[in-house]
Amino acid sequence: MSTSLAAALAAGPVVLDGGLSTELESRGHDVTSALWSARLLRDDPGAIRDAHAAFAAAGAQVATTASYQATLPGFAAAGFDDAAGLIARSVQLARAGAPSSWVAGSVGPYGAYLADGSEYTGAYLSDVGVAQLRAFHRPRLEVLAEAGVDVLACETLPGAAEVEALLAELEPLGVPAWVSLTVVTGPDGVVHTRRGEPLADVVALARPHVLAVGVNCTEPSGVPAALATGATVVYPNSGETWDAGARAWTGSTGAGWDVPAWVAAGARLVGGCCRVRPSDVAAVAAAVRPSR
């Protein structure tokens, strides 16, 4: 893109893509391994390129790479060679599938590498300190930056300690970034990280250092309260709820979504996460850019 993402955001909201893994699964690909969609970086890269293309055709202006669960130790544990090359390939595939989009290098939390769902609890932050988190995140950040991403998307973070670690590693790279957290909204309307810190405190911590800070992989109904803390990036789940016992999604797609209200409340990067398909992104794009 000839215009920087920062300049575009100064002019108005930008549309993010949706659930890349969801789209790949809907096309018949197995994403149940510990590597999730990152397995396809080696086994079927064309499928990733095509999924990016589908979101771009729907109106997404940002293509988020298939590197959320792509880490050097994760690839090594799975017996994959050339982890750095596969992470760089995620950037190439996003460019190929969405050549007119900004490319966001996805950086998932340490809990994603554990592949046990702990990005939604942050339980590992009791045992893994900031120094270890910095060492874990550094290689992937460096590979994505060298591969030429337009922005680094540090996403689905469950607590302030991981935000602190990533901010420290982002500083020397000189690449724009956003930070987004998984959160819960209490009965009192106060939004907390999965580790229990007030989201407002984490937003205040991160905002001076990044392009945007906000929430993802959360319920759409919680977005207004998150925006009230100063968040400006929001990409929630579809509105459905995962039933772990039945291993199935329940509820209605689109429940709680009100993109015009989110934009009016200050959202500037708007898209979707799990279960959000290209058709849903098309609806977001129509709401964000109604005259186009």
C-alpha atoms as a PDB file:
ATOM      1  CA  MET A   1       0.000   0.000   0.000  1.00  0.00           C
ATOM      2  CA  SER A   2       1.328   3.426  -0.932  1.00  0.00           C
ATOM      3  CA  THR A   3      -0.462   5.087   2.015  1.00  0.00           C
ATOM      4  CA  SER A   4       0.626   4.128   5.507  1.00  0.00           C
ATOM      5  CA  LEU A   5      -1.916   2.531   7.775  1.00  0.00           C
ATOM      6  CA  ALA A   6      -1.380   5.348  10.276  1.00  0.00           C
ATOM      7  CA  ALA A   7      -2.293   7.918   7.629  1.00  0.00           C
ATOM      8  CA  ALA A   8      -5.373   5.934   6.639  1.00  0.00           C
ATOM      9  CA  LEU A   9      -6.526   5.725  10.255  1.00  0.00           C
ATOM     10  CA  ALA A  10      -6.153   9.466  10.607  1.00  0.00           C
ATOM     11  CA  ALA A  11      -8.632   9.797   7.741  1.00  0.00           C
ATOM     12  CA  GLY A  12     -11.184   7.297   9.024  1.00  0.00           C
ATOM     13  CA  PRO A  13     -11.899   3.707  10.075  1.00  0.00           C
ATOM     14  CA  VAL A  14     -10.196   0.748   8.368  1.00  0.00           C
ATOM     15  CA  VAL A  15     -11.752  -2.678   7.844  1.00  0.00           C
ATOM     16  CA  LEU A  16      -9.931  -5.722   9.177  1.00  0.00           C
ATOM     17  CA  ASP A  17     -10.444  -9.278   7.930  1.00  0.00           C
ATOM     18  CA  GLY A  18     -12.128 -12.125   9.808  1.00  0.00           C
ATOM     19  CA  GLY A  19     -11.366 -15.589  11.122  1.00  0.00           C
ATOM     20  CA  LEU A  20      -8.690 -16.991   8.813  1.00  0.00           C
ATOM     21  CA  SER A  21      -8.727 -20.383  10.504  1.00  0.00           C
ATOM     22  CA  THR A  22     -12.530 -20.449  10.378  1.00  0.00           C
ATOM     23  CA  GLU A  23     -12.422 -19.784   6.640  1.00  0.00           C
ATOM     24  CA  LEU A  24      -9.825 -22.484   6.071  1.00  0.00           C
ATOM     25  CA  GLU A  25     -11.837 -24.989   8.111  1.00  0.00           C
ATOM     26  CA  SER A  26     -14.981 -24.114   6.150  1.00  0.00           C
ATOM     27  CA  ARG A  27     -13.066 -25.006   2.986  1.00  0.00           C
ATOM     28  CA  GLY A  28     -12.353 -28.495   4.280  1.00  0.00           C
ATOM     29  CA  HIS A  29      -8.923 -28.060   5.878  1.00  0.00           C
ATOM     30  CA  ASP A  30      -8.024 -29.689   9.184  1.00  0.00           C
ATOM     31  CA  VAL A  31      -6.988 -27.037  11.694  1.00  0.00           C
ATOM     32  CA  THR A  32      -7.188 -29.200  14.816  1.00  0.00           C
ATOM     33  CA  SER A  33      -3.463 -29.774  15.355  1.00  0.00           C
ATOM     34  CA  ALA A  34      -1.333 -27.824  17.817  1.00  0.00           C
ATOM     35  CA  LEU A  35      -0.155 -25.686  14.891  1.00  0.00           C
ATOM     36  CA  TRP A  36      -3.724 -24.759  13.939  1.00  0.00           C
ATOM     37  CA  SER A  37      -3.797 -22.969  10.556  1.00  0.00           C
ATOM     38  CA  ALA A  38       0.007 -22.535  10.614  1.00  0.00           C
ATOM     39  CA  ARG A  39       0.332 -26.174   9.494  1.00  0.00           C
ATOM     40  CA  LEU A  40      -0.909 -25.132   6.077  1.00  0.00           C
ATOM     41  CA  LEU A  41       2.046 -22.782   5.606  1.00  0.00           C
ATOM     42  CA  ARG A  42       3.953 -25.932   4.687  1.00  0.00           C
ATOM     43  CA  ASP A  43       1.221 -28.331   3.636  1.00  0.00           C
ATOM     44  CA  ASP A  44      -1.094 -26.156   1.527  1.00  0.00           C
ATOM     45  CA  PRO A  45       0.068 -22.550   1.203  1.00  0.00           C
ATOM     46  CA  GLY A  46      -2.278 -21.932  -1.702  1.00  0.00           C
ATOM     47  CA  ALA A  47      -5.250 -22.450   0.613  1.00  0.00           C
ATOM     48  CA  ILE A  48      -4.035 -19.625   2.840  1.00  0.00           C
ATOM     49  CA  ARG A  49      -3.526 -17.324  -0.142  1.00  0.00           C
ATOM     50  CA  ASP A  50      -7.048 -18.060  -1.361  1.00  0.00           C
ATOM     51  CA  ALA A  51      -8.583 -17.369   2.053  1.00  0.00           C
ATOM     52  CA  HIS A  52      -6.848 -13.985   2.135  1.00  0.00           C
ATOM     53  CA  ALA A  53      -8.228 -13.280  -1.318  1.00  0.00           C
ATOM     54  CA  ALA A  54     -11.771 -14.074  -0.150  1.00  0.00           C
ATOM     55  CA  PHE A  55     -11.566 -11.565   2.687  1.00  0.00           C
ATOM     56  CA  ALA A  56     -10.053  -8.916   0.412  1.00  0.00           C
ATOM     57  CA  ALA A  57     -12.847  -9.435  -2.115  1.00  0.00           C
ATOM     58  CA  ALA A  58     -15.336  -8.921   0.710  1.00  0.00           C
ATOM     59  CA  GLY A  59     -13.877  -5.519   1.518  1.00  0.00           C
ATOM     60  CA  ALA A  60     -11.156  -6.190   4.106  1.00  0.00           C
ATOM     61  CA  GLN A  61      -8.373  -3.616   3.877  1.00  0.00           C
ATOM     62  CA  VAL A  62      -5.988  -5.561   6.133  1.00  0.00           C
ATOM     63  CA  ALA A  63      -4.779  -9.135   5.604  1.00  0.00           C
ATOM     64  CA  THR A  64      -3.695 -10.779   8.862  1.00  0.00           C
ATOM     65  CA  THR A  65      -1.031 -13.428   8.341  1.00  0.00           C
ATOM     66  CA  ALA A  66      -1.380 -17.105   9.241  1.00  0.00           C
ATOM     67  CA  SER A  67       1.328 -16.746  11.880  1.00  0.00           C
ATOM     68  CA  TYR A  68      -0.783 -16.563  15.042  1.00  0.00           C
ATOM     69  CA  GLN A  69       0.346 -20.031  16.075  1.00  0.00           C
ATOM     70  CA  ALA A  70       3.534 -20.057  14.000  1.00  0.00           C
ATOM     71  CA  THR A  71       6.450 -20.053  16.428  1.00  0.00           C
ATOM     72  CA  LEU A  72       9.957 -21.445  16.264  1.00  0.00           C
ATOM     73  CA  PRO A  73       9.461 -23.866  19.188  1.00  0.00           C
ATOM     74  CA  GLY A  74       6.001 -24.856  17.944  1.00  0.00           C
ATOM     75  CA  PHE A  75       7.285 -25.759  14.487  1.00  0.00           C
ATOM     76  CA  ALA A  76      10.254 -27.591  16.003  1.00  0.00           C
ATOM     77  CA  ALA A  77       7.969 -29.656  18.241  1.00  0.00           C
ATOM     78  CA  ALA A  78       5.932 -30.638  15.179  1.00  0.00           C
ATOM     79  CA  GLY A  79       9.059 -31.670  13.280  1.00  0.00           C
ATOM     80  CA  PHE A  80       8.834 -28.830  10.755  1.00  0.00           C
ATOM     81  CA  ASP A  81      12.090 -27.525   9.286  1.00  0.00           C
ATOM     82  CA  ASP A  82      12.782 -23.862   8.441  1.00  0.00           C
ATOM     83  CA  ALA A  83      10.411 -22.235  10.920  1.00  0.00           C
ATOM     84  CA  ALA A  84      11.674 -18.763  10.045  1.00  0.00           C
ATOM     85  CA  GLY A  85      11.063 -19.424   6.367  1.00  0.00           C
ATOM     86  CA  LEU A  86       7.505 -20.572   7.034  1.00  0.00           C
ATOM     87  CA  ILE A  87       6.765 -17.476   9.113  1.00  0.00           C
ATOM     88  CA  ALA A  88       8.120 -15.286   6.314  1.00  0.00           C
ATOM     89  CA  ARG A  89       5.968 -17.256   3.868  1.00  0.00           C
ATOM     90  CA  SER A  90       2.879 -16.173   5.814  1.00  0.00           C
ATOM     91  CA  VAL A  91       3.661 -12.588   4.809  1.00  0.00           C
ATOM     92  CA  GLN A  92       4.233 -13.535   1.165  1.00  0.00           C
ATOM     93  CA  LEU A  93       0.905 -15.377   1.038  1.00  0.00           C
ATOM     94  CA  ALA A  94      -0.986 -12.425   2.494  1.00  0.00           C
ATOM     95  CA  ARG A  95       0.587 -10.145  -0.125  1.00  0.00           C
ATOM     96  CA  ALA A  96      -0.248 -12.589  -2.907  1.00  0.00           C
ATOM     97  CA  GLY A  97      -3.842 -13.086  -1.809  1.00  0.00           C
ATOM     98  CA  ALA A  98      -4.586  -9.463  -0.944  1.00  0.00           C
ATOM     99  CA  PRO A  99      -2.160  -7.292  -2.931  1.00  0.00           C
ATOM    100  CA  SER A 100      -4.111  -4.090  -2.246  1.00  0.00           C
ATOM    101  CA  SER A 101      -4.315  -4.649   1.522  1.00  0.00           C
ATOM    102  CA  TRP A 102      -2.060  -3.721   4.363  1.00  0.00           C
ATOM    103  CA  VAL A 103      -0.425  -6.863   5.761  1.00  0.00           C
ATOM    104  CA  ALA A 104      -0.615  -7.384   9.513  1.00  0.00           C
ATOM    105  CA  GLY A 105       1.823  -9.892  10.959  1.00  0.00           C
ATOM    106  CA  SER A 106      -0.136 -11.907  13.505  1.00  0.00           C
ATOM    107  CA  VAL A 107       1.659 -12.469  16.813  1.00  0.00           C
ATOM    108  CA  GLY A 108      -0.351 -14.738  19.066  1.00  0.00           C
ATOM    109  CA  PRO A 109       0.279 -15.052  22.819  1.00  0.00           C
ATOM    110  CA  TYR A 110       2.427 -17.602  24.570  1.00  0.00           C
ATOM    111  CA  GLY A 111      -0.776 -19.446  25.400  1.00  0.00           C
ATOM    112  CA  ALA A 112      -1.430 -20.063  21.696  1.00  0.00           C
ATOM    113  CA  TYR A 113       1.892 -21.917  21.462  1.00  0.00           C
ATOM    114  CA  LEU A 114       0.783 -24.062  24.418  1.00  0.00           C
ATOM    115  CA  ALA A 115      -2.342 -24.959  22.381  1.00  0.00           C
ATOM    116  CA  ASP A 116      -4.382 -25.520  25.525  1.00  0.00           C
ATOM    117  CA  GLY A 117      -6.727 -22.543  25.370  1.00  0.00           C
ATOM    118  CA  SER A 118      -4.815 -20.647  28.027  1.00  0.00           C
ATOM    119  CA  GLU A 119      -4.858 -17.422  26.027  1.00  0.00           C
ATOM    120  CA  TYR A 120      -8.424 -17.233  27.375  1.00  0.00           C
ATOM    121  CA  THR A 121      -7.354 -17.587  30.999  1.00  0.00           C
ATOM    122  CA  GLY A 122      -3.797 -16.258  31.126  1.00  0.00           C
ATOM    123  CA  ALA A 123      -3.012 -18.992  33.663  1.00  0.00           C
ATOM    124  CA  TYR A 124       0.524 -19.369  32.302  1.00  0.00           C
ATOM    125  CA  LEU A 125       1.336 -15.797  33.357  1.00  0.00           C
ATOM    126  CA  SER A 126       1.639 -17.056  36.929  1.00  0.00           C
ATOM    127  CA  ASP A 127       4.724 -19.046  35.914  1.00  0.00           C
ATOM    128  CA  VAL A 128       6.116 -17.297  32.836  1.00  0.00           C
ATOM    129  CA  GLY A 129       7.721 -13.929  33.507  1.00  0.00           C
ATOM    130  CA  VAL A 130       8.264 -10.888  31.300  1.00  0.00           C
ATOM    131  CA  ALA A 131      11.848 -11.858  30.473  1.00  0.00           C
ATOM    132  CA  GLN A 132      10.798 -15.312  29.245  1.00  0.00           C
ATOM    133  CA  LEU A 133       7.918 -13.821  27.273  1.00  0.00           C
ATOM    134  CA  ARG A 134      10.273 -11.358  25.600  1.00  0.00           C
ATOM    135  CA  ALA A 135      12.636 -14.152  24.590  1.00  0.00           C
ATOM    136  CA  PHE A 136       9.717 -16.206  23.259  1.00  0.00           C
ATOM    137  CA  HIS A 137       8.233 -13.434  21.134  1.00  0.00           C
ATOM    138  CA  ARG A 138      11.460 -11.881  19.834  1.00  0.00           C
ATOM    139  CA  PRO A 139      12.331 -14.308  16.987  1.00  0.00           C
ATOM    140  CA  ARG A 140       8.893 -14.235  15.358  1.00  0.00           C
ATOM    141  CA  LEU A 141       8.639 -10.454  15.648  1.00  0.00           C
ATOM    142  CA  GLU A 142      12.019 -10.103  13.981  1.00  0.00           C
ATOM    143  CA  VAL A 143      11.134 -12.485  11.138  1.00  0.00           C
ATOM    144  CA  LEU A 144       7.818 -10.746  10.463  1.00  0.00           C
ATOM    145  CA  ALA A 145       9.444  -7.317  10.531  1.00  0.00           C
ATOM    146  CA  GLU A 146      12.191  -8.413   8.141  1.00  0.00           C
ATOM    147  CA  ALA A 147       9.595 -10.001   5.845  1.00  0.00           C
ATOM    148  CA  GLY A 148       8.084  -6.561   5.378  1.00  0.00           C
ATOM    149  CA  VAL A 149       4.778  -6.474   7.235  1.00  0.00           C
ATOM    150  CA  ASP A 150       3.017  -3.119   7.320  1.00  0.00           C
ATOM    151  CA  VAL A 151       1.976  -3.580  10.927  1.00  0.00           C
ATOM    152  CA  LEU A 152       2.421  -6.150  13.683  1.00  0.00           C
ATOM    153  CA  ALA A 153      -0.810  -7.448  15.221  1.00  0.00           C
ATOM    154  CA  CYS A 154      -0.073  -8.592  18.772  1.00  0.00           C
ATOM    155  CA  GLU A 155      -3.396 -10.203  19.515  1.00  0.00           C
ATOM    156  CA  THR A 156      -5.504 -12.282  21.889  1.00  0.00           C
ATOM    157  CA  LEU A 157      -3.323 -11.302  24.834  1.00  0.00           C
ATOM    158  CA  PRO A 158      -4.732 -12.275  28.231  1.00  0.00           C
ATOM    159  CA  GLY A 159      -2.842  -9.970  30.555  1.00  0.00           C
ATOM    160  CA  ALA A 160      -0.737  -6.895  31.148  1.00  0.00           C
ATOM    161  CA  ALA A 161       2.550  -8.777  31.626  1.00  0.00           C
ATOM    162  CA  GLU A 162       2.487 -10.062  28.048  1.00  0.00           C
ATOM    163  CA  VAL A 163       1.617  -6.596  26.766  1.00  0.00           C
ATOM    164  CA  GLU A 164       4.609  -5.226  28.674  1.00  0.00           C
ATOM    165  CA  ALA A 165       6.890  -7.878  27.175  1.00  0.00           C
ATOM    166  CA  LEU A 166       5.719  -7.210  23.626  1.00  0.00           C
ATOM    167  CA  LEU A 167       5.999  -3.438  23.951  1.00  0.00           C
ATOM    168  CA  ALA A 168       9.628  -3.871  25.003  1.00  0.00           C
ATOM    169  CA  GLU A 169      10.367  -6.056  21.975  1.00  0.00           C
ATOM    170  CA  LEU A 170       8.464  -3.844  19.540  1.00  0.00           C
ATOM    171  CA  GLU A 171      10.391  -0.698  20.398  1.00  0.00           C
ATOM    172  CA  PRO A 172      13.670  -1.520  18.604  1.00  0.00           C
ATOM    173  CA  LEU A 173      11.931  -2.897  15.483  1.00  0.00           C
ATOM    174  CA  GLY A 174      10.526   0.403  14.267  1.00  0.00           C
ATOM    175  CA  VAL A 175       7.419  -1.285  12.799  1.00  0.00           C
ATOM    176  CA  PRO A 176       3.910   0.023  13.604  1.00  0.00           C
ATOM    177  CA  ALA A 177       1.875  -2.309  15.779  1.00  0.00           C
ATOM    178  CA  TRP A 178      -1.441  -2.783  17.438  1.00  0.00           C
ATOM    179  CA  VAL A 179      -2.109  -4.644  20.674  1.00  0.00           C
ATOM    180  CA  SER A 180      -5.405  -6.373  21.409  1.00  0.00           C
ATOM    181  CA  LEU A 181      -6.534  -8.353  24.411  1.00  0.00           C
ATOM    182  CA  THR A 182      -9.089 -10.973  25.314  1.00  0.00           C
ATOM    183  CA  VAL A 183     -11.388  -9.511  27.925  1.00  0.00           C
ATOM    184  CA  VAL A 184     -14.494 -10.051  30.002  1.00  0.00           C
ATOM    185  CA  THR A 185     -17.077  -7.463  31.002  1.00  0.00           C
ATOM    186  CA  GLY A 186     -18.405  -7.731  34.535  1.00  0.00           C
ATOM    187  CA  PRO A 187     -21.994  -7.161  35.679  1.00  0.00           C
ATOM    188  CA  ASP A 188     -20.922  -3.640  36.642  1.00  0.00           C
ATOM    189  CA  GLY A 189     -19.885  -2.936  33.052  1.00  0.00           C
ATOM    190  CA  VAL A 190     -16.162  -2.768  33.887  1.00  0.00           C
ATOM    191  CA  VAL A 191     -13.926  -4.534  31.366  1.00  0.00           C
ATOM    192  CA  HIS A 192     -11.018  -6.653  32.629  1.00  0.00           C
ATOM    193  CA  THR A 193      -8.326  -8.693  30.974  1.00  0.00           C
ATOM    194  CA  ARG A 194      -8.516 -12.444  31.440  1.00  0.00           C
ATOM    195  CA  ARG A 195      -5.999 -12.009  34.263  1.00  0.00           C
ATOM    196  CA  GLY A 196      -8.293  -9.530  35.993  1.00  0.00           C
ATOM    197  CA  GLU A 197      -6.556  -6.220  35.312  1.00  0.00           C
ATOM    198  CA  PRO A 198      -8.812  -3.286  34.348  1.00  0.00           C
ATOM    199  CA  LEU A 199      -8.625  -2.897  30.581  1.00  0.00           C
ATOM    200  CA  ALA A 200      -8.450   0.868  30.995  1.00  0.00           C
ATOM    201  CA  ASP A 201      -5.090   0.483  32.775  1.00  0.00           C
ATOM    202  CA  VAL A 202      -3.662  -1.681  29.976  1.00  0.00           C
ATOM    203  CA  VAL A 203      -4.940   0.710  27.309  1.00  0.00           C
ATOM    204  CA  ALA A 204      -3.205   3.567  29.113  1.00  0.00           C
ATOM    205  CA  LEU A 205       0.003   1.500  29.318  1.00  0.00           C
ATOM    206  CA  ALA A 206       0.083   0.595  25.636  1.00  0.00           C
ATOM    207  CA  ARG A 207      -1.483   3.553  23.841  1.00  0.00           C
ATOM    208  CA  PRO A 208       1.615   5.810  23.739  1.00  0.00           C
ATOM    209  CA  HIS A 209       3.672   3.049  22.092  1.00  0.00           C
ATOM    210  CA  VAL A 210       1.403   1.536  19.417  1.00  0.00           C
ATOM    211  CA  LEU A 211      -0.826   2.462  16.516  1.00  0.00           C
ATOM    212  CA  ALA A 212      -3.924   1.163  18.288  1.00  0.00           C
ATOM    213  CA  VAL A 213      -4.940  -0.870  21.298  1.00  0.00           C
ATOM    214  CA  GLY A 214      -8.142  -2.755  21.887  1.00  0.00           C
ATOM    215  CA  VAL A 215      -9.862  -6.130  22.041  1.00  0.00           C
ATOM    216  CA  ASN A 216     -10.364  -9.239  19.937  1.00  0.00           C
ATOM    217  CA  CYS A 217     -11.783 -12.732  20.276  1.00  0.00           C
ATOM    218  CA  THR A 218     -14.409 -11.479  22.702  1.00  0.00           C
ATOM    219  CA  GLU A 219     -18.185 -11.149  22.700  1.00  0.00           C
ATOM    220  CA  PRO A 220     -19.562  -8.406  20.430  1.00  0.00           C
ATOM    221  CA  SER A 221     -21.804  -7.243  23.268  1.00  0.00           C
ATOM    222  CA  GLY A 222     -18.694  -6.248  25.235  1.00  0.00           C
ATOM    223  CA  VAL A 223     -17.287  -3.972  22.529  1.00  0.00           C
ATOM    224  CA  PRO A 224     -19.020  -0.727  23.650  1.00  0.00           C
ATOM    225  CA  ALA A 225     -17.597  -1.010  27.164  1.00  0.00           C
ATOM    226  CA  ALA A 226     -14.135  -1.696  25.732  1.00  0.00           C
ATOM    227  CA  LEU A 227     -14.373   1.374  23.501  1.00  0.00           C
ATOM    228  CA  ALA A 228     -15.258   3.438  26.561  1.00  0.00           C
ATOM    229  CA  THR A 229     -11.782   2.657  27.962  1.00  0.00           C
ATOM    230  CA  GLY A 230     -10.103   4.265  24.946  1.00  0.00           C
ATOM    231  CA  ALA A 231      -9.766   1.130  22.819  1.00  0.00           C
ATOM    232  CA  THR A 232      -9.703   1.799  19.069  1.00  0.00           C
ATOM    233  CA  VAL A 233      -9.233  -1.685  17.555  1.00  0.00           C
ATOM    234  CA  VAL A 234     -12.110  -4.165  17.863  1.00  0.00           C
ATOM    235  CA  TYR A 235     -12.548  -7.519  16.182  1.00  0.00           C
ATOM    236  CA  PRO A 236     -14.822  -9.750  18.221  1.00  0.00           C
ATOM    237  CA  ASN A 237     -16.109 -13.237  17.549  1.00  0.00           C
ATOM    238  CA  SER A 238     -19.259 -13.807  15.521  1.00  0.00           C
ATOM    239  CA  GLY A 239     -21.627 -13.582  18.476  1.00  0.00           C
ATOM    240  CA  GLU A 240     -21.852 -17.333  18.879  1.00  0.00           C
ATOM    241  CA  THR A 241     -20.602 -19.065  22.027  1.00  0.00           C
ATOM    242  CA  TRP A 242     -18.327 -22.086  22.159  1.00  0.00           C
ATOM    243  CA  ASP A 243     -19.813 -24.967  24.166  1.00  0.00           C
ATOM    244  CA  ALA A 244     -16.725 -26.878  25.295  1.00  0.00           C
ATOM    245  CA  GLY A 245     -18.762 -29.862  26.511  1.00  0.00           C
ATOM    246  CA  ALA A 246     -20.619 -30.329  23.248  1.00  0.00           C
ATOM    247  CA  ARG A 247     -17.643 -29.115  21.201  1.00  0.00           C
ATOM    248  CA  ALA A 248     -19.993 -26.956  19.175  1.00  0.00           C
ATOM    249  CA  TRP A 249     -20.871 -23.306  18.622  1.00  0.00           C
ATOM    250  CA  THR A 250     -24.254 -22.134  19.913  1.00  0.00           C
ATOM    251  CA  GLY A 251     -26.253 -18.951  19.570  1.00  0.00           C
ATOM    252  CA  SER A 252     -26.700 -16.635  16.625  1.00  0.00           C
ATOM    253  CA  THR A 253     -24.147 -15.169  14.246  1.00  0.00           C
ATOM    254  CA  GLY A 254     -24.288 -11.399  14.386  1.00  0.00           C
ATOM    255  CA  ALA A 255     -25.678 -11.179  17.914  1.00  0.00           C
ATOM    256  CA  GLY A 256     -24.504  -7.951  19.551  1.00  0.00           C
ATOM    257  CA  TRP A 257     -22.917  -6.497  16.410  1.00  0.00           C
ATOM    258  CA  ASP A 258     -23.489  -2.756  15.856  1.00  0.00           C
ATOM    259  CA  VAL A 259     -20.625  -1.536  13.703  1.00  0.00           C
ATOM    260  CA  PRO A 260     -21.981   2.009  13.107  1.00  0.00           C
ATOM    261  CA  ALA A 261     -22.271   2.521  16.862  1.00  0.00           C
ATOM    262  CA  TRP A 262     -18.760   1.179  17.390  1.00  0.00           C
ATOM    263  CA  VAL A 263     -17.339   3.575  14.822  1.00  0.00           C
ATOM    264  CA  ALA A 264     -19.255   6.465  16.376  1.00  0.00           C
ATOM    265  CA  ALA A 265     -17.734   5.481  19.742  1.00  0.00           C
ATOM    266  CA  GLY A 266     -14.181   5.636  18.390  1.00  0.00           C
ATOM    267  CA  ALA A 267     -13.409   2.301  16.719  1.00  0.00           C
ATOM    268  CA  ARG A 268     -10.836   2.782  13.958  1.00  0.00           C
ATOM    269  CA  LEU A 269      -9.751  -0.787  13.140  1.00  0.00           C
ATOM    270  CA  VAL A 270     -12.880  -2.937  12.869  1.00  0.00           C
ATOM    271  CA  GLY A 271     -13.218  -6.572  11.824  1.00  0.00           C
ATOM    272  CA  GLY A 272     -13.873 -10.020  13.194  1.00  0.00           C
ATOM    273  CA  CYS A 273     -12.202 -13.010  14.780  1.00  0.00           C
ATOM    274  CA  CYS A 274     -13.438 -16.595  15.224  1.00  0.00           C
ATOM    275  CA  ARG A 275     -16.452 -17.615  13.119  1.00  0.00           C
ATOM    276  CA  VAL A 276     -16.416 -14.361  11.152  1.00  0.00           C
ATOM    277  CA  ARG A 277     -16.574 -15.193   7.439  1.00  0.00           C
ATOM    278  CA  PRO A 278     -16.047 -13.059   4.327  1.00  0.00           C
ATOM    279  CA  SER A 279     -19.792 -12.404   4.094  1.00  0.00           C
ATOM    280  CA  ASP A 280     -19.668 -10.951   7.608  1.00  0.00           C
ATOM    281  CA  VAL A 281     -16.680  -8.791   6.690  1.00  0.00           C
ATOM    282  CA  ALA A 282     -18.648  -7.513   3.689  1.00  0.00           C
ATOM    283  CA  ALA A 283     -21.332  -6.327   6.105  1.00  0.00           C
ATOM    284  CA  VAL A 284     -18.687  -4.616   8.261  1.00  0.00           C
ATOM    285  CA  ALA A 285     -17.218  -2.923   5.194  1.00  0.00           C
ATOM    286  CA  ALA A 286     -20.654  -1.707   4.115  1.00  0.00           C
ATOM    287  CA  ALA A 287     -21.231  -0.233   7.577  1.00  0.00           C
ATOM    288  CA  VAL A 288     -17.790   1.387   7.807  1.00  0.00           C
ATOM    289  CA  ARG A 289     -17.727   2.715   4.254  1.00  0.00           C
ATOM    290  CA  PRO A 290     -21.418   3.063   3.306  1.00  0.00           C
ATOM    291  CA  SER A 291     -20.794   5.444   0.397  1.00  0.00           C
ATOM    292  CA  ARG A 292     -18.327   3.162  -1.405  1.00  0.00           C
END
